[in-house]
C-alpha cells in the first residue's frame, strides 16, 4: 500500500480528500464533506473545499492546512515531519493525532 506521510504522521494516501482530488471524484468530495461536517462540527466544509494532494506534497491543500498548528510548527522548525523533532514524543501539539491514530507515530518513526 502506498504511503504519503503527513507532517503529523497520518497517511494521506488513505485520506478521502486526497483520493477525491486525485480521482477528480465529486461524489467522494460530497460524501467526505458531509462526513467531516458532522465529525468536526464544521458546517462550512463543502464538497468544493474537499481538495488536497497532501500537506507535504505539491498541489492544492485542504483549507485547514494553512492553519494547522502541527504543519506550521514543522515548517517553522525547518523539518519535513514531526518525526525529525526530538520533542515529538512529549509534544502536546501532535498528541491528539497520535492518541486517536496511533499508527501515525509509527509512520513517523519508520521514515527515519
C-alpha atoms as a PDB file:
ATOM      1  CA  UNK A   1       0.000   0.000   0.000  1.00  0.00           C
ATOM      2  CA  UNK A   2       1.208   3.471  -0.893  1.00  0.00           C
ATOM      3  CA  UNK A   3       2.171   5.779   1.953  1.00  0.00           C
ATOM      4  CA  UNK A   4       2.215   9.546   1.722  1.00  0.00           C
ATOM      5  CA  UNK A   5       3.073  10.642   5.238  1.00  0.00           C
ATOM      6  CA  UNK A   6       1.809  13.986   6.509  1.00  0.00           C
ATOM      7  CA  UNK A   7       3.698  16.228   8.910  1.00  0.00           C
ATOM      8  CA  UNK A   8       1.841  14.601  11.833  1.00  0.00           C
ATOM      9  CA  UNK A   9       2.293  11.029  10.613  1.00  0.00           C
ATOM     10  CA  UNK A  10      -1.133  10.434   9.100  1.00  0.00           C
ATOM     11  CA  UNK A  11      -1.064   8.539   5.813  1.00  0.00           C
ATOM     12  CA  UNK A  12      -2.504  10.951   3.239  1.00  0.00           C
ATOM     13  CA  UNK A  13      -2.735   8.105   0.715  1.00  0.00           C
ATOM     14  CA  UNK A  14      -5.756   6.818   2.656  1.00  0.00           C
ATOM     15  CA  UNK A  15      -7.412  10.240   3.055  1.00  0.00           C
ATOM     16  CA  UNK A  16     -10.693  10.668   1.217  1.00  0.00           C
ATOM     17  CA  UNK A  17      -9.872  14.295   0.355  1.00  0.00           C
ATOM     18  CA  UNK A  18      -6.654  13.268  -1.393  1.00  0.00           C
ATOM     19  CA  UNK A  19      -8.308  10.323  -3.126  1.00  0.00           C
ATOM     20  CA  UNK A  20     -11.180  12.534  -4.333  1.00  0.00           C
ATOM     21  CA  UNK A  21      -8.693  15.116  -5.591  1.00  0.00           C
ATOM     22  CA  UNK A  22      -6.503  12.659  -7.485  1.00  0.00           C
ATOM     23  CA  UNK A  23      -9.524  10.877  -8.980  1.00  0.00           C
ATOM     24  CA  UNK A  24     -11.478  14.120  -9.514  1.00  0.00           C
ATOM     25  CA  UNK A  25     -14.364  12.315  -7.820  1.00  0.00           C
ATOM     26  CA  UNK A  26     -17.190  14.723  -6.959  1.00  0.00           C
ATOM     27  CA  UNK A  27     -19.298  12.007  -5.310  1.00  0.00           C
ATOM     28  CA  UNK A  28     -16.473  11.256  -2.869  1.00  0.00           C
ATOM     29  CA  UNK A  29     -15.984  15.000  -2.285  1.00  0.00           C
ATOM     30  CA  UNK A  30     -19.673  15.342  -1.348  1.00  0.00           C
ATOM     31  CA  UNK A  31     -19.609  12.282   0.916  1.00  0.00           C
ATOM     32  CA  UNK A  32     -16.403  13.448   2.601  1.00  0.00           C
ATOM     33  CA  UNK A  33     -17.779  16.950   3.156  1.00  0.00           C
ATOM     34  CA  UNK A  34     -20.924  15.530   4.774  1.00  0.00           C
ATOM     35  CA  UNK A  35     -18.903  13.176   6.956  1.00  0.00           C
ATOM     36  CA  UNK A  36     -16.441  15.884   8.067  1.00  0.00           C
ATOM     37  CA  UNK A  37     -19.232  18.401   8.724  1.00  0.00           C
ATOM     38  CA  UNK A  38     -20.652  16.009  11.307  1.00  0.00           C
ATOM     39  CA  UNK A  39     -17.364  14.639  12.612  1.00  0.00           C
ATOM     40  CA  UNK A  40     -15.767  18.038  13.200  1.00  0.00           C
ATOM     41  CA  UNK A  41     -18.962  20.060  13.762  1.00  0.00           C
ATOM     42  CA  UNK A  42     -17.897  22.165  10.794  1.00  0.00           C
ATOM     43  CA  UNK A  43     -20.881  23.061   8.628  1.00  0.00           C
ATOM     44  CA  UNK A  44     -18.647  25.268   6.453  1.00  0.00           C
ATOM     45  CA  UNK A  45     -16.930  22.282   4.861  1.00  0.00           C
ATOM     46  CA  UNK A  46     -18.306  21.954   1.361  1.00  0.00           C
ATOM     47  CA  UNK A  47     -17.731  19.448  -1.408  1.00  0.00           C
ATOM     48  CA  UNK A  48     -15.930  22.213  -3.323  1.00  0.00           C
ATOM     49  CA  UNK A  49     -13.474  22.637  -0.440  1.00  0.00           C
ATOM     50  CA  UNK A  50     -12.537  18.948  -0.354  1.00  0.00           C
ATOM     51  CA  UNK A  51      -9.382  19.179  -2.444  1.00  0.00           C
ATOM     52  CA  UNK A  52      -5.937  18.202  -1.208  1.00  0.00           C
ATOM     53  CA  UNK A  53      -2.847  16.462  -2.531  1.00  0.00           C
ATOM     54  CA  UNK A  54      -1.333  16.068   0.938  1.00  0.00           C
ATOM     55  CA  UNK A  55       0.207  18.598   3.291  1.00  0.00           C
ATOM     56  CA  UNK A  56       3.772  17.808   2.214  1.00  0.00           C
ATOM     57  CA  UNK A  57       3.057  17.374  -1.483  1.00  0.00           C
ATOM     58  CA  UNK A  58       2.967  19.975  -4.234  1.00  0.00           C
ATOM     59  CA  UNK A  59      -0.513  20.984  -5.263  1.00  0.00           C
ATOM     60  CA  UNK A  60      -3.772  22.069  -3.714  1.00  0.00           C
ATOM     61  CA  UNK A  61      -4.278  21.877   0.054  1.00  0.00           C
ATOM     62  CA  UNK A  62      -7.404  21.497   2.152  1.00  0.00           C
ATOM     63  CA  UNK A  63      -8.187  24.830   3.810  1.00  0.00           C
ATOM     64  CA  UNK A  64      -7.202  23.548   7.260  1.00  0.00           C
ATOM     65  CA  UNK A  65      -3.591  23.067   6.132  1.00  0.00           C
ATOM     66  CA  UNK A  66      -2.963  26.816   6.226  1.00  0.00           C
ATOM     67  CA  UNK A  67      -3.902  26.988   9.913  1.00  0.00           C
ATOM     68  CA  UNK A  68      -2.761  23.534  11.016  1.00  0.00           C
ATOM     69  CA  UNK A  69      -0.724  24.049  14.160  1.00  0.00           C
ATOM     70  CA  UNK A  70       1.235  20.854  13.536  1.00  0.00           C
ATOM     71  CA  UNK A  71       2.168  21.721   9.951  1.00  0.00           C
ATOM     72  CA  UNK A  72       3.055  25.293  10.914  1.00  0.00           C
ATOM     73  CA  UNK A  73       5.299  24.069  13.759  1.00  0.00           C
ATOM     74  CA  UNK A  74       7.096  21.589  11.481  1.00  0.00           C
ATOM     75  CA  UNK A  75       7.694  24.273   8.861  1.00  0.00           C
ATOM     76  CA  UNK A  76       8.823  26.834  11.449  1.00  0.00           C
ATOM     77  CA  UNK A  77      11.413  24.373  12.780  1.00  0.00           C
ATOM     78  CA  UNK A  78      12.597  23.522   9.256  1.00  0.00           C
ATOM     79  CA  UNK A  79      11.567  19.870   9.451  1.00  0.00           C
ATOM     80  CA  UNK A  80       9.687  17.705   6.969  1.00  0.00           C
ATOM     81  CA  UNK A  81       7.673  15.912   9.687  1.00  0.00           C
ATOM     82  CA  UNK A  82       7.272  15.744  13.446  1.00  0.00           C
ATOM     83  CA  UNK A  83       9.419  12.613  13.304  1.00  0.00           C
ATOM     84  CA  UNK A  84      12.530  14.780  12.975  1.00  0.00           C
ATOM     85  CA  UNK A  85      11.748  16.688  16.161  1.00  0.00           C
ATOM     86  CA  UNK A  86      13.413  15.439  19.354  1.00  0.00           C
ATOM     87  CA  UNK A  87      10.372  16.685  21.307  1.00  0.00           C
ATOM     88  CA  UNK A  88       7.799  14.658  19.349  1.00  0.00           C
ATOM     89  CA  UNK A  89       7.054  12.004  21.974  1.00  0.00           C
ATOM     90  CA  UNK A  90       6.020  14.582  24.591  1.00  0.00           C
ATOM     91  CA  UNK A  91       4.579  17.168  22.215  1.00  0.00           C
ATOM     92  CA  UNK A  92       1.111  18.429  23.102  1.00  0.00           C
ATOM     93  CA  UNK A  93       0.563  19.833  19.598  1.00  0.00           C
ATOM     94  CA  UNK A  94       0.611  16.442  17.860  1.00  0.00           C
ATOM     95  CA  UNK A  95      -0.537  14.363  20.856  1.00  0.00           C
ATOM     96  CA  UNK A  96      -4.224  14.304  19.873  1.00  0.00           C
ATOM     97  CA  UNK A  97      -3.455  12.899  16.425  1.00  0.00           C
ATOM     98  CA  UNK A  98      -1.242  10.209  17.903  1.00  0.00           C
ATOM     99  CA  UNK A  99      -3.827   9.399  20.580  1.00  0.00           C
ATOM    100  CA  UNK A 100      -6.606   8.842  18.027  1.00  0.00           C
ATOM    101  CA  UNK A 101      -4.444   7.370  15.244  1.00  0.00           C
ATOM    102  CA  UNK A 102      -1.586   5.504  16.967  1.00  0.00           C
ATOM    103  CA  UNK A 103      -0.149   4.213  13.679  1.00  0.00           C
ATOM    104  CA  UNK A 104       0.761   7.824  12.835  1.00  0.00           C
ATOM    105  CA  UNK A 105       3.629   7.718  15.322  1.00  0.00           C
ATOM    106  CA  UNK A 106       4.892   4.507  13.734  1.00  0.00           C
ATOM    107  CA  UNK A 107       4.692   6.092  10.299  1.00  0.00           C
ATOM    108  CA  UNK A 108       6.934   8.914  11.512  1.00  0.00           C
ATOM    109  CA  UNK A 109       9.418   6.575  13.184  1.00  0.00           C
ATOM    110  CA  UNK A 110       9.637   4.451  10.037  1.00  0.00           C
ATOM    111  CA  UNK A 111      10.565   7.482   7.919  1.00  0.00           C
ATOM    112  CA  UNK A 112      13.884   7.924   9.720  1.00  0.00           C
END
